[in-house]
C-alpha atoms as a PDB file:
ATOM      1  CA  MET A   1      26.117  -7.415 -12.763  1.00  0.00           C
ATOM      2  CA  TYR A   2      24.246  -4.287 -13.737  1.00  0.00           C
ATOM      3  CA  SER A   3      26.093  -1.430 -15.708  1.00  0.00           C
ATOM      4  CA  LYS A   4      22.604   0.509 -16.481  1.00  0.00           C
ATOM      5  CA  ILE A   5      20.043   1.395 -13.227  1.00  0.00           C
ATOM      6  CA  MET A   6      17.254   3.140 -13.690  1.00  0.00           C
ATOM      7  CA  LEU A   7      15.506   5.382 -10.535  1.00  0.00           C
ATOM      8  CA  PRO A   8      12.189   6.771 -11.390  1.00  0.00           C
ATOM      9  CA  VAL A   9      11.315  10.131  -9.675  1.00  0.00           C
ATOM     10  CA  ASP A  10       8.345  12.032  -8.503  1.00  0.00           C
ATOM     11  CA  LEU A  11      10.261  15.596  -8.117  1.00  0.00           C
ATOM     12  CA  ASN A  12       7.241  16.681  -5.753  1.00  0.00           C
ATOM     13  CA  GLU A  13       7.148  13.922  -3.564  1.00  0.00           C
ATOM     14  CA  GLU A  14      10.279  12.637  -1.815  1.00  0.00           C
ATOM     15  CA  ALA A  15       8.950   9.409  -0.547  1.00  0.00           C
ATOM     16  CA  SER A  16       9.125   8.415  -4.347  1.00  0.00           C
ATOM     17  CA  TRP A  17      13.211   8.235  -4.515  1.00  0.00           C
ATOM     18  CA  GLU A  18      14.148   9.189  -0.538  1.00  0.00           C
ATOM     19  CA  LYS A  19      14.620   5.342   0.156  1.00  0.00           C
ATOM     20  CA  ALA A  20      15.347   4.304  -3.310  1.00  0.00           C
ATOM     21  CA  LEU A  21      18.287   6.891  -4.027  1.00  0.00           C
ATOM     22  CA  PRO A  22      20.488   5.764  -1.756  1.00  0.00           C
ATOM     23  CA  THR A  23      19.986   1.741  -2.786  1.00  0.00           C
ATOM     24  CA  ALA A  24      20.493   3.016  -6.473  1.00  0.00           C
ATOM     25  CA  LEU A  25      23.533   5.196  -5.801  1.00  0.00           C
ATOM     26  CA  ALA A  26      25.062   2.014  -3.705  1.00  0.00           C
ATOM     27  CA  LEU A  27      24.394  -0.252  -6.405  1.00  0.00           C
ATOM     28  CA  CYS A  28      26.160   2.484  -9.198  1.00  0.00           C
ATOM     29  CA  GLN A  29      29.319   2.595  -6.851  1.00  0.00           C
ATOM     30  CA  SER A  30      29.057  -1.064  -6.332  1.00  0.00           C
ATOM     31  CA  PHE A  31      29.279  -2.511  -9.795  1.00  0.00           C
ATOM     32  CA  GLY A  32      30.487   1.078 -11.675  1.00  0.00           C
ATOM     33  CA  ALA A  33      27.043   0.967 -13.221  1.00  0.00           C
ATOM     34  CA  SER A  34      25.674   4.254 -14.816  1.00  0.00           C
ATOM     35  CA  LEU A  35      22.341   5.895 -12.687  1.00  0.00           C
ATOM     36  CA  HIS A  36      19.116   7.172 -15.240  1.00  0.00           C
ATOM     37  CA  VAL A  37      17.140   9.186 -13.297  1.00  0.00           C
ATOM     38  CA  VAL A  38      13.524   9.040 -14.908  1.00  0.00           C
ATOM     39  CA  THR A  39      10.446  11.277 -13.739  1.00  0.00           C
ATOM     40  CA  VAL A  40       7.528  10.796 -16.079  1.00  0.00           C
ATOM     41  CA  LEU A  41       5.127  13.481 -17.559  1.00  0.00           C
ATOM     42  CA  PRO A  42       1.433  13.233 -18.125  1.00  0.00           C
ATOM     43  CA  ASP A  43       0.842  12.981 -22.058  1.00  0.00           C
ATOM     44  CA  TYR A  44       0.221  16.660 -22.359  1.00  0.00           C
ATOM     45  CA  ARG A  45       0.271  16.180 -26.405  1.00  0.00           C
ATOM     46  CA  MET A  46      -2.983  14.138 -26.707  1.00  0.00           C
ATOM     47  CA  PRO A  47      -5.277  15.756 -28.564  1.00  0.00           C
ATOM     48  CA  LEU A  48      -8.307  15.125 -25.813  1.00  0.00           C
ATOM     49  CA  VAL A  49      -6.021  16.310 -23.128  1.00  0.00           C
ATOM     50  CA  GLY A  50      -3.919  19.067 -24.721  1.00  0.00           C
ATOM     51  CA  SER A  51      -7.023  21.499 -25.819  1.00  0.00           C
ATOM     52  CA  TYR A  52      -7.737  22.432 -22.501  1.00  0.00           C
ATOM     53  CA  PHE A  53      -3.714  23.499 -22.010  1.00  0.00           C
ATOM     54  CA  PRO A  54      -2.179  26.946 -23.424  1.00  0.00           C
ATOM     55  CA  LYS A  55      -0.342  26.206 -26.659  1.00  0.00           C
ATOM     56  CA  ASN A  56       3.595  24.926 -26.029  1.00  0.00           C
ATOM     57  CA  PHE A  57       2.426  23.663 -22.606  1.00  0.00           C
ATOM     58  CA  ALA A  58       4.053  20.381 -23.220  1.00  0.00           C
ATOM     59  CA  GLU A  59       7.038  21.923 -24.093  1.00  0.00           C
ATOM     60  CA  LYS A  60       7.391  24.213 -21.280  1.00  0.00           C
ATOM     61  CA  ALA A  61       6.606  21.517 -18.987  1.00  0.00           C
ATOM     62  CA  HIS A  62       9.169  19.061 -20.027  1.00  0.00           C
ATOM     63  CA  LYS A  63      12.038  22.553 -19.698  1.00  0.00           C
ATOM     64  CA  ALA A  64      10.512  22.969 -16.025  1.00  0.00           C
ATOM     65  CA  VAL A  65      10.940  19.320 -15.364  1.00  0.00           C
ATOM     66  CA  SER A  66      14.506  18.919 -16.911  1.00  0.00           C
ATOM     67  CA  ASP A  67      15.420  21.863 -14.952  1.00  0.00           C
ATOM     68  CA  ALA A  68      14.340  20.502 -11.735  1.00  0.00           C
ATOM     69  CA  GLN A  69      15.668  17.164 -12.553  1.00  0.00           C
ATOM     70  CA  HIS A  70      19.407  18.465 -13.614  1.00  0.00           C
ATOM     71  CA  GLU A  71      18.637  20.134 -10.090  1.00  0.00           C
ATOM     72  CA  PHE A  72      17.705  17.112  -7.909  1.00  0.00           C
ATOM     73  CA  ILE A  73      20.800  15.385  -9.682  1.00  0.00           C
ATOM     74  CA  ARG A  74      23.211  18.178  -8.696  1.00  0.00           C
ATOM     75  CA  GLU A  75      22.001  17.831  -5.121  1.00  0.00           C
ATOM     76  CA  HIS A  76      21.495  14.408  -4.580  1.00  0.00           C
ATOM     77  CA  VAL A  77      24.041  12.311  -7.197  1.00  0.00           C
ATOM     78  CA  PRO A  78      27.594  12.267  -6.444  1.00  0.00           C
ATOM     79  CA  GLU A  79      29.998  13.533  -9.201  1.00  0.00           C
ATOM     80  CA  ASP A  80      31.975   9.863  -9.394  1.00  0.00           C
ATOM     81  CA  ILE A  81      28.617   8.497 -10.758  1.00  0.00           C
ATOM     82  CA  THR A  82      27.629   8.894 -14.385  1.00  0.00           C
ATOM     83  CA  VAL A  83      24.477   9.939 -14.880  1.00  0.00           C
ATOM     84  CA  GLN A  84      21.657  10.843 -17.311  1.00  0.00           C
ATOM     85  CA  SER A  85      18.259  12.495 -16.914  1.00  0.00           C
ATOM     86  CA  VAL A  86      15.534  11.074 -18.720  1.00  0.00           C
ATOM     87  CA  ILE A  87      12.041  12.677 -19.033  1.00  0.00           C
ATOM     88  CA  VAL A  88       9.344  10.859 -20.837  1.00  0.00           C
ATOM     89  CA  ASP A  89       5.530  11.154 -21.413  1.00  0.00           C
ATOM     90  CA  GLY A  90       2.802   8.861 -20.540  1.00  0.00           C
ATOM     91  CA  SER A  91       0.794   6.410 -17.745  1.00  0.00           C
ATOM     92  CA  PRO A  92       4.139   5.961 -15.584  1.00  0.00           C
ATOM     93  CA  TRP A  93       4.537   2.561 -15.499  1.00  0.00           C
ATOM     94  CA  GLU A  94       3.913   2.368 -18.961  1.00  0.00           C
ATOM     95  CA  ALA A  95       6.350   4.994 -19.677  1.00  0.00           C
ATOM     96  CA  ILE A  96       9.596   3.520 -16.854  1.00  0.00           C
ATOM     97  CA  ILE A  97       8.805   0.192 -18.829  1.00  0.00           C
ATOM     98  CA  ASN A  98       9.346   1.815 -22.258  1.00  0.00           C
ATOM     99  CA  ALA A  99      12.219   3.901 -21.489  1.00  0.00           C
ATOM    100  CA  ALA A 100      13.924   0.837 -19.322  1.00  0.00           C
ATOM    101  CA  LYS A 101      13.833  -0.973 -22.937  1.00  0.00           C
ATOM    102  CA  GLN A 102      14.809   2.129 -24.672  1.00  0.00           C
ATOM    103  CA  LEU A 103      17.876   2.773 -22.452  1.00  0.00           C
ATOM    104  CA  GLU A 104      18.814  -1.075 -22.196  1.00  0.00           C
ATOM    105  CA  ILE A 105      18.488  -0.797 -18.655  1.00  0.00           C
ATOM    106  CA  ASP A 106      19.634  -3.665 -16.509  1.00  0.00           C
ATOM    107  CA  LEU A 107      17.807  -2.773 -13.273  1.00  0.00           C
ATOM    108  CA  ILE A 108      14.991  -0.870 -12.191  1.00  0.00           C
ATOM    109  CA  VAL A 109      15.205   0.402  -8.363  1.00  0.00           C
ATOM    110  CA  MET A 110      12.203   1.842  -6.999  1.00  0.00           C
ATOM    111  CA  ALA A 111      10.117   3.179  -3.983  1.00  0.00           C
ATOM    112  CA  SER A 112       7.448   0.789  -2.776  1.00  0.00           C
ATOM    113  CA  HIS A 113       4.357   2.926  -1.441  1.00  0.00           C
ATOM    114  CA  ASN A 114       3.374   3.277   2.627  1.00  0.00           C
ATOM    115  CA  LYS A 115      -0.074   4.428   1.561  1.00  0.00           C
ATOM    116  CA  ARG A 116      -0.210   7.407   4.324  1.00  0.00           C
ATOM    117  CA  LYS A 117      -0.831   9.816   1.514  1.00  0.00           C
ATOM    118  CA  PHE A 118      -2.754   9.500  -1.785  1.00  0.00           C
ATOM    119  CA  VAL A 119       0.345  10.027  -3.958  1.00  0.00           C
ATOM    120  CA  ASP A 120       2.310   6.905  -2.004  1.00  0.00           C
ATOM    121  CA  TYR A 121      -1.031   5.346  -2.705  1.00  0.00           C
ATOM    122  CA  VAL A 122      -1.220   5.956  -6.295  1.00  0.00           C
ATOM    123  CA  LEU A 123       2.738   4.807  -6.464  1.00  0.00           C
ATOM    124  CA  GLY A 124       2.141   1.700  -5.231  1.00  0.00           C
ATOM    125  CA  PRO A 125       0.100   0.321  -7.976  1.00  0.00           C
ATOM    126  CA  ASN A 126       3.061   1.855 -10.740  1.00  0.00           C
ATOM    127  CA  ALA A 127       5.208  -0.054  -8.959  1.00  0.00           C
ATOM    128  CA  GLU A 128       3.486  -3.289  -9.225  1.00  0.00           C
ATOM    129  CA  HIS A 129       2.894  -2.875 -12.464  1.00  0.00           C
ATOM    130  CA  VAL A 130       6.044  -2.296 -13.498  1.00  0.00           C
ATOM    131  CA  VAL A 131       6.956  -5.540 -11.491  1.00  0.00           C
ATOM    132  CA  HIS A 132       4.653  -7.274 -13.347  1.00  0.00           C
ATOM    133  CA  HIS A 133       4.951  -5.873 -16.975  1.00  0.00           C
ATOM    134  CA  SER A 134       8.781  -5.782 -16.987  1.00  0.00           C
ATOM    135  CA  LYS A 135      11.218  -8.000 -18.617  1.00  0.00           C
ATOM    136  CA  MET A 136      14.020  -6.381 -16.597  1.00  0.00           C
ATOM    137  CA  SER A 137      14.908  -6.799 -13.063  1.00  0.00           C
ATOM    138  CA  VAL A 138      13.004  -4.627 -10.671  1.00  0.00           C
ATOM    139  CA  MET A 139      14.371  -3.659  -7.408  1.00  0.00           C
ATOM    140  CA  ILE A 140      11.138  -1.798  -4.975  1.00  0.00           C
ATOM    141  CA  VAL A 141      12.627  -0.670  -1.735  1.00  0.00           C
ATOM    142  CA  ARG A 142      10.473  -0.090   1.372  1.00  0.00           C
END
């Protein structure tokens, strides 16, 4: 039923993955699907934004996030699951949808928000946008 499952994660906010990760892993194991862990960075390369950051900041940010994401995968994803680390730039919901299209994802598994923290509040609208604008299936885990 599913062969490629995407899990968007904010590596700085456990609420973005603590409930969605076990669900995504169970689905990967059930269907023999690969897992695509996606982290979205702000687009530091935009001229207006980029001028406020030191030279090569975007490359250093990508390297730091890549290292952190690989560590996340080592700690949380069993070795029997094929996994891909994906880092994209832009607004969270648009970057998630674009990456899902490029990777030909069958299912996006992501956390909902729980309004206890500002970060959780922000995640809510992103999940909502992904659900409304995505052409592939989306599972929201509460």
